């Protein structure tokens, strides 16, 4: 729900993590996608049937970018035997909004953050869970070394 963004913002301010791997499901994607940016735009009804403000952060920068190497993160997933690709951005719905809030909240700090969309269909979506977990673990290790 859109209102959860303020909870995320508060928790990241109160207890900044050492690193942050965020996950979402992208129903139409067929591979794991490493999101390279989040945009300061939001749209769509959430589960509570609420509509967001047009901007995630009023007066905020138009976009925030992944600071780690997207090709290195994608390669870590691929080396674990899972199809992966970089993605231009995380869309305009809750995944993008959560990513934007996280990137904004850690701005100016050396805390690695990435948002990964898991596929909702195709061969990769049917991979055994342990294989996906190994791939995400490799991605997280690569992120933390960045």
N, C-alpha and C. Protein backbone atom coordinates (compact mmCIF):
# COMPACT_ATOMS: atom_id res chain seq x y z
N UNK A 1 0.84 -1.18 0.00
CA UNK A 1 0.00 0.00 0.00
C UNK A 1 0.89 1.24 0.00
N UNK A 2 0.40 2.30 -0.61
CA UNK A 2 1.18 3.54 -0.71
C UNK A 2 1.58 4.08 0.66
N UNK A 3 0.72 3.91 1.65
CA UNK A 3 1.03 4.45 2.97
C UNK A 3 2.23 3.76 3.62
N UNK A 4 2.59 2.59 3.16
CA UNK A 4 3.74 1.87 3.71
C UNK A 4 5.06 2.57 3.39
N UNK A 5 5.06 3.46 2.42
CA UNK A 5 6.29 4.17 2.07
C UNK A 5 6.81 5.02 3.22
N UNK A 6 5.91 5.61 3.98
CA UNK A 6 6.35 6.41 5.13
C UNK A 6 6.97 5.53 6.21
N UNK A 7 6.44 4.33 6.38
CA UNK A 7 7.02 3.38 7.34
C UNK A 7 8.42 2.99 6.88
N UNK A 8 8.58 2.72 5.59
CA UNK A 8 9.90 2.39 5.04
C UNK A 8 10.87 3.54 5.27
N UNK A 9 10.44 4.74 4.98
CA UNK A 9 11.28 5.93 5.16
C UNK A 9 11.73 6.06 6.63
N UNK A 10 10.79 5.89 7.54
CA UNK A 10 11.09 6.01 8.97
C UNK A 10 12.04 4.91 9.45
N UNK A 11 11.83 3.70 9.00
CA UNK A 11 12.70 2.59 9.43
C UNK A 11 14.11 2.74 8.91
N UNK A 12 14.25 3.19 7.67
CA UNK A 12 15.59 3.38 7.12
C UNK A 12 16.31 4.53 7.82
N UNK A 13 15.57 5.53 8.25
CA UNK A 13 16.19 6.64 8.98
C UNK A 13 16.59 6.21 10.39
N UNK A 14 15.74 5.43 11.04
CA UNK A 14 16.00 5.02 12.42
C UNK A 14 17.09 3.96 12.52
N UNK A 15 17.15 3.07 11.55
CA UNK A 15 18.13 1.98 11.60
C UNK A 15 18.63 1.70 10.20
N UNK A 16 19.59 2.49 9.72
CA UNK A 16 20.12 2.28 8.36
C UNK A 16 20.77 0.90 8.24
N UNK A 17 20.49 0.19 7.17
CA UNK A 17 21.08 -1.14 6.98
C UNK A 17 22.52 -1.04 6.47
N UNK A 18 23.21 -2.16 6.49
CA UNK A 18 24.54 -2.23 5.88
C UNK A 18 24.43 -2.30 4.36
N UNK A 19 23.33 -2.87 3.90
CA UNK A 19 23.03 -3.01 2.48
C UNK A 19 21.57 -3.39 2.37
N UNK A 20 21.00 -3.20 1.18
CA UNK A 20 19.57 -3.46 1.03
C UNK A 20 19.28 -4.09 -0.32
N UNK A 21 18.74 -5.30 -0.28
CA UNK A 21 18.28 -6.00 -1.47
C UNK A 21 16.75 -6.00 -1.41
N UNK A 22 16.14 -5.31 -2.37
CA UNK A 22 14.68 -5.21 -2.42
C UNK A 22 14.18 -6.11 -3.54
N UNK A 23 13.06 -6.80 -3.30
CA UNK A 23 12.51 -7.73 -4.29
C UNK A 23 11.07 -7.43 -4.62
N UNK A 24 10.72 -7.66 -5.86
CA UNK A 24 9.34 -7.55 -6.30
C UNK A 24 9.10 -8.58 -7.39
N UNK A 25 7.84 -8.80 -7.72
CA UNK A 25 7.48 -9.73 -8.80
C UNK A 25 6.98 -8.90 -9.98
N UNK A 26 7.50 -9.19 -11.16
CA UNK A 26 7.04 -8.53 -12.38
C UNK A 26 6.35 -9.60 -13.22
N UNK A 27 5.04 -9.55 -13.23
CA UNK A 27 4.23 -10.60 -13.84
C UNK A 27 4.52 -10.92 -15.28
N UNK A 28 4.94 -9.93 -16.06
CA UNK A 28 5.16 -10.16 -17.49
C UNK A 28 6.62 -10.41 -17.85
N UNK A 29 7.51 -10.31 -16.90
CA UNK A 29 8.93 -10.50 -17.22
C UNK A 29 9.30 -11.97 -17.14
N UNK A 30 10.29 -12.32 -17.95
CA UNK A 30 10.70 -13.72 -18.05
C UNK A 30 12.10 -13.98 -17.49
N UNK A 31 12.74 -12.95 -16.97
CA UNK A 31 14.08 -13.08 -16.39
C UNK A 31 14.15 -12.21 -15.14
N UNK A 32 15.16 -12.45 -14.34
CA UNK A 32 15.43 -11.58 -13.20
C UNK A 32 15.91 -10.25 -13.76
N UNK A 33 15.37 -9.15 -13.28
CA UNK A 33 15.77 -7.82 -13.76
C UNK A 33 16.34 -6.99 -12.62
N UNK A 34 17.54 -6.50 -12.85
CA UNK A 34 18.20 -5.59 -11.92
C UNK A 34 17.79 -4.18 -12.32
N UNK A 35 17.09 -3.49 -11.44
CA UNK A 35 16.60 -2.15 -11.75
C UNK A 35 17.71 -1.12 -11.59
N UNK A 36 17.94 -0.33 -12.63
CA UNK A 36 19.04 0.62 -12.63
C UNK A 36 18.66 2.00 -12.12
N UNK A 37 17.36 2.27 -12.01
CA UNK A 37 16.95 3.56 -11.47
C UNK A 37 15.51 3.50 -10.97
N UNK A 38 15.17 4.49 -10.15
CA UNK A 38 13.80 4.70 -9.69
C UNK A 38 13.44 6.14 -10.04
N UNK A 39 12.22 6.35 -10.46
CA UNK A 39 11.79 7.69 -10.84
C UNK A 39 10.81 8.25 -9.82
N UNK A 40 10.80 9.56 -9.73
CA UNK A 40 9.94 10.25 -8.76
C UNK A 40 8.54 10.44 -9.34
N UNK A 41 7.93 9.33 -9.70
CA UNK A 41 6.57 9.32 -10.23
C UNK A 41 5.83 8.10 -9.69
N UNK A 42 4.54 8.26 -9.47
CA UNK A 42 3.74 7.16 -8.95
C UNK A 42 2.35 7.20 -9.57
N UNK A 43 1.80 6.01 -9.76
CA UNK A 43 0.41 5.93 -10.24
C UNK A 43 -0.15 4.54 -9.95
N UNK A 44 -1.45 4.46 -9.94
CA UNK A 44 -2.13 3.20 -9.76
C UNK A 44 -2.74 3.03 -8.38
N UNK A 45 -3.85 2.33 -8.34
CA UNK A 45 -4.51 2.02 -7.07
C UNK A 45 -3.77 0.90 -6.36
N UNK A 46 -3.65 1.01 -5.04
CA UNK A 46 -3.01 -0.05 -4.27
C UNK A 46 -4.07 -1.03 -3.75
N UNK A 47 -3.66 -1.95 -2.91
CA UNK A 47 -4.58 -2.97 -2.38
C UNK A 47 -5.71 -2.36 -1.56
N UNK A 48 -5.48 -1.18 -0.98
CA UNK A 48 -6.51 -0.50 -0.19
C UNK A 48 -7.36 0.43 -1.06
N UNK A 49 -7.13 0.36 -2.37
CA UNK A 49 -7.85 1.18 -3.35
C UNK A 49 -7.51 2.67 -3.20
N UNK A 50 -6.32 2.95 -2.71
CA UNK A 50 -5.86 4.34 -2.57
C UNK A 50 -5.01 4.71 -3.77
N UNK A 51 -5.08 5.95 -4.14
CA UNK A 51 -4.29 6.47 -5.25
C UNK A 51 -3.17 7.34 -4.67
N UNK A 52 -1.95 7.24 -5.23
CA UNK A 52 -0.83 8.00 -4.68
C UNK A 52 -0.82 9.44 -5.17
N UNK A 53 0.00 10.24 -4.51
CA UNK A 53 0.32 11.56 -5.05
C UNK A 53 1.12 11.31 -6.33
N UNK A 54 1.10 12.26 -7.22
CA UNK A 54 1.79 12.09 -8.51
C UNK A 54 3.30 11.91 -8.32
N UNK A 55 3.86 12.61 -7.34
CA UNK A 55 5.29 12.51 -7.05
C UNK A 55 5.48 11.74 -5.74
N UNK A 56 6.49 10.91 -5.70
CA UNK A 56 6.80 10.15 -4.49
C UNK A 56 7.28 11.11 -3.41
N UNK A 57 8.16 12.03 -3.81
CA UNK A 57 8.66 13.06 -2.90
C UNK A 57 8.47 14.41 -3.56
N UNK A 58 7.58 15.23 -3.03
CA UNK A 58 7.36 16.57 -3.59
C UNK A 58 8.69 17.33 -3.57
N UNK A 59 9.06 17.87 -4.70
CA UNK A 59 10.31 18.61 -4.80
C UNK A 59 11.55 17.74 -4.87
N UNK A 60 11.37 16.42 -4.91
CA UNK A 60 12.51 15.50 -5.00
C UNK A 60 13.10 15.47 -6.40
N UNK A 61 14.30 14.94 -6.51
CA UNK A 61 14.95 14.83 -7.81
C UNK A 61 14.13 13.91 -8.71
N UNK A 62 14.20 14.11 -10.04
CA UNK A 62 13.38 13.30 -10.95
C UNK A 62 13.67 11.81 -10.91
N UNK A 63 14.92 11.45 -10.64
CA UNK A 63 15.27 10.03 -10.60
C UNK A 63 16.44 9.80 -9.66
N UNK A 64 16.55 8.57 -9.22
CA UNK A 64 17.69 8.14 -8.39
C UNK A 64 18.22 6.86 -9.02
N UNK A 65 19.54 6.75 -9.07
CA UNK A 65 20.18 5.64 -9.78
C UNK A 65 20.87 4.63 -8.85
N UNK A 66 20.90 3.41 -9.32
CA UNK A 66 21.69 2.36 -8.70
C UNK A 66 23.15 2.80 -8.72
N UNK A 67 23.81 2.72 -7.58
CA UNK A 67 25.22 3.15 -7.53
C UNK A 67 26.18 2.00 -7.82
N UNK A 68 25.73 0.77 -7.67
CA UNK A 68 26.57 -0.40 -7.97
C UNK A 68 26.57 -0.63 -9.48
N UNK A 69 27.41 -1.52 -9.92
CA UNK A 69 27.50 -1.86 -11.34
C UNK A 69 26.39 -2.84 -11.72
N UNK A 70 25.44 -2.38 -12.53
CA UNK A 70 24.36 -3.26 -12.97
C UNK A 70 24.91 -4.47 -13.74
N UNK A 71 25.88 -4.28 -14.67
CA UNK A 71 26.42 -5.45 -15.37
C UNK A 71 27.03 -6.49 -14.42
N UNK A 72 27.70 -6.05 -13.37
CA UNK A 72 28.30 -6.99 -12.41
C UNK A 72 27.21 -7.75 -11.65
N UNK A 73 26.14 -7.06 -11.28
CA UNK A 73 25.04 -7.72 -10.56
C UNK A 73 24.32 -8.72 -11.46
N UNK A 74 24.08 -8.32 -12.71
CA UNK A 74 23.45 -9.23 -13.68
C UNK A 74 24.33 -10.45 -13.89
N UNK A 75 25.63 -10.24 -14.04
CA UNK A 75 26.56 -11.35 -14.26
C UNK A 75 26.57 -12.31 -13.08
N UNK A 76 26.48 -11.80 -11.87
CA UNK A 76 26.44 -12.66 -10.68
C UNK A 76 25.24 -13.59 -10.73
N UNK A 77 24.10 -13.08 -11.15
CA UNK A 77 22.89 -13.91 -11.25
C UNK A 77 23.05 -14.94 -12.36
N UNK A 78 23.56 -14.50 -13.51
CA UNK A 78 23.75 -15.42 -14.64
C UNK A 78 24.73 -16.54 -14.31
N UNK A 79 25.79 -16.22 -13.59
CA UNK A 79 26.78 -17.25 -13.23
C UNK A 79 26.18 -18.30 -12.31
N UNK A 80 25.10 -17.96 -11.65
CA UNK A 80 24.39 -18.93 -10.81
C UNK A 80 23.38 -19.74 -11.62
N UNK A 81 23.35 -19.53 -12.94
CA UNK A 81 22.48 -20.31 -13.80
C UNK A 81 21.06 -19.79 -13.95
N UNK A 82 20.87 -18.51 -13.69
CA UNK A 82 19.53 -17.90 -13.78
C UNK A 82 19.58 -16.76 -14.80
N UNK A 83 18.62 -16.73 -15.71
CA UNK A 83 18.55 -15.65 -16.70
C UNK A 83 18.36 -14.31 -15.99
N UNK A 84 19.12 -13.31 -16.43
CA UNK A 84 19.02 -11.98 -15.81
C UNK A 84 19.34 -10.92 -16.84
N UNK A 85 18.85 -9.70 -16.58
CA UNK A 85 19.10 -8.57 -17.46
C UNK A 85 18.96 -7.28 -16.65
N UNK A 86 19.61 -6.23 -17.11
CA UNK A 86 19.37 -4.92 -16.47
C UNK A 86 18.04 -4.38 -16.95
N UNK A 87 17.43 -3.53 -16.15
CA UNK A 87 16.17 -2.89 -16.52
C UNK A 87 16.32 -1.39 -16.34
N UNK A 88 15.74 -0.63 -17.24
CA UNK A 88 15.87 0.83 -17.23
C UNK A 88 15.32 1.45 -15.95
N UNK A 89 14.15 1.01 -15.51
CA UNK A 89 13.60 1.50 -14.25
C UNK A 89 12.55 0.55 -13.72
N UNK A 90 12.14 0.78 -12.49
CA UNK A 90 11.25 -0.14 -11.78
C UNK A 90 9.76 0.14 -12.01
N UNK A 91 9.42 0.92 -13.04
CA UNK A 91 8.02 1.21 -13.34
C UNK A 91 7.52 2.45 -12.64
N UNK A 92 6.23 2.50 -12.35
CA UNK A 92 5.65 3.66 -11.66
C UNK A 92 4.78 3.25 -10.49
N UNK A 93 4.83 1.97 -10.15
CA UNK A 93 3.96 1.48 -9.08
C UNK A 93 4.75 1.34 -7.78
N UNK A 94 4.31 0.53 -6.88
CA UNK A 94 4.89 0.44 -5.54
C UNK A 94 6.35 0.00 -5.52
N UNK A 95 6.75 -0.87 -6.41
CA UNK A 95 8.16 -1.29 -6.44
C UNK A 95 9.06 -0.09 -6.70
N UNK A 96 8.71 0.68 -7.71
CA UNK A 96 9.48 1.87 -8.03
C UNK A 96 9.48 2.84 -6.85
N UNK A 97 8.32 3.05 -6.26
CA UNK A 97 8.21 4.00 -5.15
C UNK A 97 9.06 3.57 -3.96
N UNK A 98 9.02 2.29 -3.62
CA UNK A 98 9.84 1.80 -2.51
C UNK A 98 11.32 1.95 -2.83
N UNK A 99 11.70 1.67 -4.06
CA UNK A 99 13.10 1.82 -4.48
C UNK A 99 13.53 3.28 -4.39
N UNK A 100 12.68 4.18 -4.86
CA UNK A 100 13.00 5.61 -4.80
C UNK A 100 13.18 6.06 -3.34
N UNK A 101 12.27 5.66 -2.49
CA UNK A 101 12.35 6.03 -1.06
C UNK A 101 13.63 5.48 -0.45
N UNK A 102 13.98 4.24 -0.75
CA UNK A 102 15.20 3.66 -0.20
C UNK A 102 16.44 4.40 -0.69
N UNK A 103 16.51 4.66 -1.99
CA UNK A 103 17.67 5.38 -2.54
C UNK A 103 17.75 6.80 -1.97
N UNK A 104 16.61 7.43 -1.81
CA UNK A 104 16.57 8.77 -1.23
C UNK A 104 17.02 8.74 0.24
N UNK A 105 16.55 7.75 0.97
CA UNK A 105 16.83 7.66 2.40
C UNK A 105 18.31 7.42 2.69
N UNK A 106 19.00 6.72 1.78
CA UNK A 106 20.42 6.43 2.02
C UNK A 106 21.33 7.38 1.24
N UNK A 107 20.74 8.34 0.57
CA UNK A 107 21.52 9.29 -0.22
C UNK A 107 22.62 9.92 0.62
N UNK A 108 23.82 9.95 0.08
CA UNK A 108 24.94 10.53 0.79
C UNK A 108 25.65 9.56 1.72
N UNK A 109 25.14 8.35 1.84
CA UNK A 109 25.77 7.33 2.69
C UNK A 109 26.30 6.21 1.80
N UNK A 110 27.28 5.51 2.28
CA UNK A 110 27.87 4.40 1.52
C UNK A 110 27.13 3.10 1.80
N UNK A 111 25.83 3.10 1.52
CA UNK A 111 25.00 1.91 1.75
C UNK A 111 24.53 1.41 0.38
N UNK A 112 24.93 0.21 -0.01
CA UNK A 112 24.49 -0.31 -1.31
C UNK A 112 23.02 -0.73 -1.28
N UNK A 113 22.29 -0.33 -2.30
CA UNK A 113 20.86 -0.64 -2.43
C UNK A 113 20.58 -1.07 -3.86
N UNK A 114 19.79 -2.11 -4.04
CA UNK A 114 19.35 -2.53 -5.37
C UNK A 114 17.94 -3.09 -5.26
N UNK A 115 17.18 -2.88 -6.32
CA UNK A 115 15.85 -3.49 -6.43
C UNK A 115 15.91 -4.50 -7.56
N UNK A 116 15.41 -5.70 -7.30
CA UNK A 116 15.41 -6.79 -8.27
C UNK A 116 13.97 -7.25 -8.48
N UNK A 117 13.57 -7.28 -9.74
CA UNK A 117 12.27 -7.85 -10.08
C UNK A 117 12.47 -9.31 -10.47
N UNK A 118 11.74 -10.18 -9.80
CA UNK A 118 11.74 -11.59 -10.15
C UNK A 118 10.67 -11.82 -11.21
N UNK A 119 10.90 -12.74 -12.12
CA UNK A 119 9.93 -12.96 -13.20
C UNK A 119 8.67 -13.66 -12.73
N UNK A 120 7.57 -13.30 -13.36
CA UNK A 120 6.29 -13.93 -13.03
C UNK A 120 5.91 -15.01 -14.02
N UNK A 121 6.70 -15.17 -15.09
CA UNK A 121 6.37 -16.18 -16.09
C UNK A 121 7.64 -16.64 -16.78
N UNK A 122 7.50 -17.64 -17.62
CA UNK A 122 8.63 -18.14 -18.38
C UNK A 122 9.47 -19.15 -17.61
N UNK A 123 10.52 -19.61 -18.28
CA UNK A 123 11.40 -20.65 -17.75
C UNK A 123 12.04 -20.25 -16.43
N UNK A 124 12.48 -19.00 -16.31
CA UNK A 124 13.15 -18.56 -15.09
C UNK A 124 12.20 -18.57 -13.90
N UNK A 125 10.94 -18.22 -14.12
CA UNK A 125 9.96 -18.21 -13.03
C UNK A 125 9.71 -19.62 -12.50
N UNK A 126 9.99 -20.62 -13.33
CA UNK A 126 9.76 -22.01 -12.91
C UNK A 126 11.02 -22.68 -12.35
N UNK A 127 12.09 -21.92 -12.20
CA UNK A 127 13.33 -22.47 -11.64
C UNK A 127 13.07 -22.90 -10.20
N UNK A 128 13.78 -23.91 -9.73
CA UNK A 128 13.65 -24.30 -8.32
C UNK A 128 14.04 -23.13 -7.40
N UNK A 129 13.32 -22.98 -6.32
CA UNK A 129 13.57 -21.89 -5.38
C UNK A 129 15.03 -21.87 -4.91
N UNK A 130 15.63 -23.02 -4.58
CA UNK A 130 17.03 -22.96 -4.14
C UNK A 130 17.96 -22.32 -5.18
N UNK A 131 17.72 -22.55 -6.46
CA UNK A 131 18.57 -21.94 -7.49
C UNK A 131 18.40 -20.42 -7.50
N UNK A 132 17.18 -19.95 -7.38
CA UNK A 132 16.93 -18.50 -7.33
C UNK A 132 17.60 -17.91 -6.09
N UNK A 133 17.52 -18.61 -4.96
CA UNK A 133 18.14 -18.12 -3.73
C UNK A 133 19.67 -18.04 -3.87
N UNK A 134 20.26 -19.03 -4.52
CA UNK A 134 21.71 -19.00 -4.76
C UNK A 134 22.06 -17.80 -5.63
N UNK A 135 21.26 -17.55 -6.66
CA UNK A 135 21.51 -16.42 -7.56
C UNK A 135 21.38 -15.09 -6.81
N UNK A 136 20.36 -14.97 -5.98
CA UNK A 136 20.19 -13.74 -5.20
C UNK A 136 21.31 -13.56 -4.18
N UNK A 137 21.77 -14.67 -3.62
CA UNK A 137 22.89 -14.60 -2.69
C UNK A 137 24.15 -14.11 -3.40
N UNK A 138 24.39 -14.59 -4.61
CA UNK A 138 25.54 -14.13 -5.40
C UNK A 138 25.40 -12.65 -5.73
N UNK A 139 24.21 -12.24 -6.07
CA UNK A 139 23.96 -10.82 -6.36
C UNK A 139 24.24 -9.97 -5.11
N UNK A 140 23.77 -10.42 -3.98
CA UNK A 140 23.96 -9.67 -2.73
C UNK A 140 25.44 -9.58 -2.36
N UNK A 141 26.17 -10.65 -2.53
CA UNK A 141 27.62 -10.61 -2.25
C UNK A 141 28.30 -9.60 -3.18
N UNK A 142 27.92 -9.59 -4.44
CA UNK A 142 28.49 -8.64 -5.40
C UNK A 142 28.12 -7.22 -5.03
N UNK A 143 26.88 -7.01 -4.63
CA UNK A 143 26.43 -5.68 -4.21
C UNK A 143 27.23 -5.18 -3.02
N UNK A 144 27.45 -6.02 -2.05
CA UNK A 144 28.15 -5.61 -0.84
C UNK A 144 29.63 -5.34 -1.08
N UNK A 145 30.19 -5.93 -2.13
CA UNK A 145 31.59 -5.65 -2.49
C UNK A 145 31.73 -4.36 -3.28
N UNK A 146 30.62 -3.85 -3.80
CA UNK A 146 30.67 -2.66 -4.68
C UNK A 146 31.07 -1.42 -3.91
